[in-house]
Amino acid sequence: MGSDTSAVGCVGKLTVATRGAGGPGEVLVKMRGGTEAYLAWSEQPLAKGTTVIVFDSRGERTVDVMEWTDPLDDLGGGAIS
């Protein structure tokens, strides 16, 4: 793991689509009370606007991501506050 390990486990949104092995995109990651931009690699191409989770760091400002759907979203209005 590189110096951006604090991003691992954080959720973000792609601002530039990824191309799988063809090249990275860009993700805005919610962390430290704000958002930070990282180069984002994924195994499969992902469209701009896709919600992702960071699962690994490749080093300086570069992360591996996968598509993410928060399982708590399925609870809708039934969630406990």
C-alpha atoms as a PDB file:
ATOM      1  CA  MET A   1       0.000   0.000   0.000  1.00  0.00           C
ATOM      2  CA  GLY A   2       1.156   3.489  -0.782  1.00  0.00           C
ATOM      3  CA  SER A   3       0.871   6.822   0.942  1.00  0.00           C
ATOM      4  CA  ASP A   4      -2.846   7.176   0.124  1.00  0.00           C
ATOM      5  CA  THR A   5      -3.989   4.236   2.244  1.00  0.00           C
ATOM      6  CA  SER A   6      -6.385   6.538   4.114  1.00  0.00           C
ATOM      7  CA  ALA A   7      -8.581   6.561   0.970  1.00  0.00           C
ATOM      8  CA  VAL A   8      -9.021   2.772   1.106  1.00  0.00           C
ATOM      9  CA  GLY A   9     -12.571   1.971   2.201  1.00  0.00           C
ATOM     10  CA  CYS A  10     -13.893   5.396   1.236  1.00  0.00           C
ATOM     11  CA  VAL A  11     -16.748   5.938  -1.220  1.00  0.00           C
ATOM     12  CA  GLY A  12     -16.551   8.326  -4.154  1.00  0.00           C
ATOM     13  CA  LYS A  13     -17.994   9.236  -7.536  1.00  0.00           C
ATOM     14  CA  LEU A  14     -16.226   9.022 -10.893  1.00  0.00           C
ATOM     15  CA  THR A  15     -15.777  12.408 -12.554  1.00  0.00           C
ATOM     16  CA  VAL A  16     -13.952  10.821 -15.505  1.00  0.00           C
ATOM     17  CA  ALA A  17     -14.897   7.318 -16.734  1.00  0.00           C
ATOM     18  CA  THR A  18     -12.393   4.490 -16.275  1.00  0.00           C
ATOM     19  CA  ARG A  19     -11.378   2.295 -19.227  1.00  0.00           C
ATOM     20  CA  GLY A  20     -10.463  -0.881 -17.370  1.00  0.00           C
ATOM     21  CA  ALA A  21      -6.950  -1.969 -18.358  1.00  0.00           C
ATOM     22  CA  GLY A  22      -7.039   0.727 -21.084  1.00  0.00           C
ATOM     23  CA  GLY A  23      -6.513   3.587 -18.655  1.00  0.00           C
ATOM     24  CA  PRO A  24      -7.540   5.353 -15.476  1.00  0.00           C
ATOM     25  CA  GLY A  25     -10.353   7.752 -14.782  1.00  0.00           C
ATOM     26  CA  GLU A  26     -10.721  10.205 -11.926  1.00  0.00           C
ATOM     27  CA  VAL A  27     -12.663   9.820  -8.684  1.00  0.00           C
ATOM     28  CA  LEU A  28     -13.712  12.353  -6.065  1.00  0.00           C
ATOM     29  CA  VAL A  29     -13.462  10.559  -2.717  1.00  0.00           C
ATOM     30  CA  LYS A  30     -15.394  11.688   0.364  1.00  0.00           C
ATOM     31  CA  MET A  31     -12.898  11.876   3.223  1.00  0.00           C
ATOM     32  CA  ARG A  32     -11.584  14.129   5.989  1.00  0.00           C
ATOM     33  CA  GLY A  33     -14.715  16.284   5.930  1.00  0.00           C
ATOM     34  CA  GLY A  34     -14.396  17.066   2.220  1.00  0.00           C
ATOM     35  CA  THR A  35     -13.504  15.483  -1.103  1.00  0.00           C
ATOM     36  CA  GLU A  36     -10.167  14.658  -2.713  1.00  0.00           C
ATOM     37  CA  ALA A  37      -9.397  13.756  -6.340  1.00  0.00           C
ATOM     38  CA  TYR A  38      -7.465  10.607  -7.273  1.00  0.00           C
ATOM     39  CA  LEU A  39      -6.582   8.760 -10.468  1.00  0.00           C
ATOM     40  CA  ALA A  40      -8.865   5.713 -10.465  1.00  0.00           C
ATOM     41  CA  TRP A  41      -8.177   2.305 -12.003  1.00  0.00           C
ATOM     42  CA  SER A  42     -10.801  -0.434 -12.306  1.00  0.00           C
ATOM     43  CA  GLU A  43     -10.824  -3.975 -13.711  1.00  0.00           C
ATOM     44  CA  GLN A  44     -13.804  -3.194 -15.968  1.00  0.00           C
ATOM     45  CA  PRO A  45     -14.687   0.127 -17.617  1.00  0.00           C
ATOM     46  CA  LEU A  46     -16.949   2.269 -15.413  1.00  0.00           C
ATOM     47  CA  ALA A  47     -19.016   5.238 -16.571  1.00  0.00           C
ATOM     48  CA  LYS A  48     -18.697   8.822 -15.370  1.00  0.00           C
ATOM     49  CA  GLY A  49     -21.008   9.332 -12.382  1.00  0.00           C
ATOM     50  CA  THR A  50     -20.656   5.755 -11.093  1.00  0.00           C
ATOM     51  CA  THR A  51     -20.476   5.435  -7.303  1.00  0.00           C
ATOM     52  CA  VAL A  52     -17.367   3.463  -6.348  1.00  0.00           C
ATOM     53  CA  ILE A  53     -15.470   2.247  -3.301  1.00  0.00           C
ATOM     54  CA  VAL A  54     -11.681   2.435  -3.029  1.00  0.00           C
ATOM     55  CA  PHE A  55     -10.255  -1.013  -2.276  1.00  0.00           C
ATOM     56  CA  ASP A  56      -6.502  -0.472  -2.779  1.00  0.00           C
ATOM     57  CA  SER A  57      -3.886   2.232  -3.222  1.00  0.00           C
ATOM     58  CA  ARG A  58      -1.266   2.185  -5.990  1.00  0.00           C
ATOM     59  CA  GLY A  59       0.734   4.970  -4.386  1.00  0.00           C
ATOM     60  CA  GLU A  60       0.753   8.712  -4.788  1.00  0.00           C
ATOM     61  CA  ARG A  61      -2.830   9.892  -5.615  1.00  0.00           C
ATOM     62  CA  THR A  62      -3.703   6.667  -7.501  1.00  0.00           C
ATOM     63  CA  VAL A  63      -6.267   4.120  -6.302  1.00  0.00           C
ATOM     64  CA  ASP A  64      -8.108   0.973  -7.400  1.00  0.00           C
ATOM     65  CA  VAL A  65     -11.909   1.201  -7.357  1.00  0.00           C
ATOM     66  CA  MET A  66     -14.962  -0.961  -7.964  1.00  0.00           C
ATOM     67  CA  GLU A  67     -18.616  -0.104  -8.446  1.00  0.00           C
ATOM     68  CA  TRP A  68     -20.417   0.262  -5.119  1.00  0.00           C
ATOM     69  CA  THR A  69     -24.025   0.190  -4.022  1.00  0.00           C
ATOM     70  CA  ASP A  70     -24.538   0.940  -0.346  1.00  0.00           C
ATOM     71  CA  PRO A  71     -26.565  -1.958   1.117  1.00  0.00           C
ATOM     72  CA  LEU A  72     -28.177   0.461   3.571  1.00  0.00           C
ATOM     73  CA  ASP A  73     -29.813   2.299   0.635  1.00  0.00           C
ATOM     74  CA  ASP A  74     -32.181  -0.690   0.327  1.00  0.00           C
ATOM     75  CA  LEU A  75     -33.554   0.065   3.793  1.00  0.00           C
ATOM     76  CA  GLY A  76     -35.122   3.293   2.535  1.00  0.00           C
ATOM     77  CA  GLY A  77     -37.345   4.970   5.104  1.00  0.00           C
ATOM     78  CA  GLY A  78     -37.152   1.975   7.429  1.00  0.00           C
ATOM     79  CA  ALA A  79     -33.653   2.798   8.655  1.00  0.00           C
ATOM     80  CA  ILE A  80     -33.193   3.536  12.326  1.00  0.00           C
ATOM     81  CA  SER A  81     -31.992   7.105  12.951  1.00  0.00           C
END
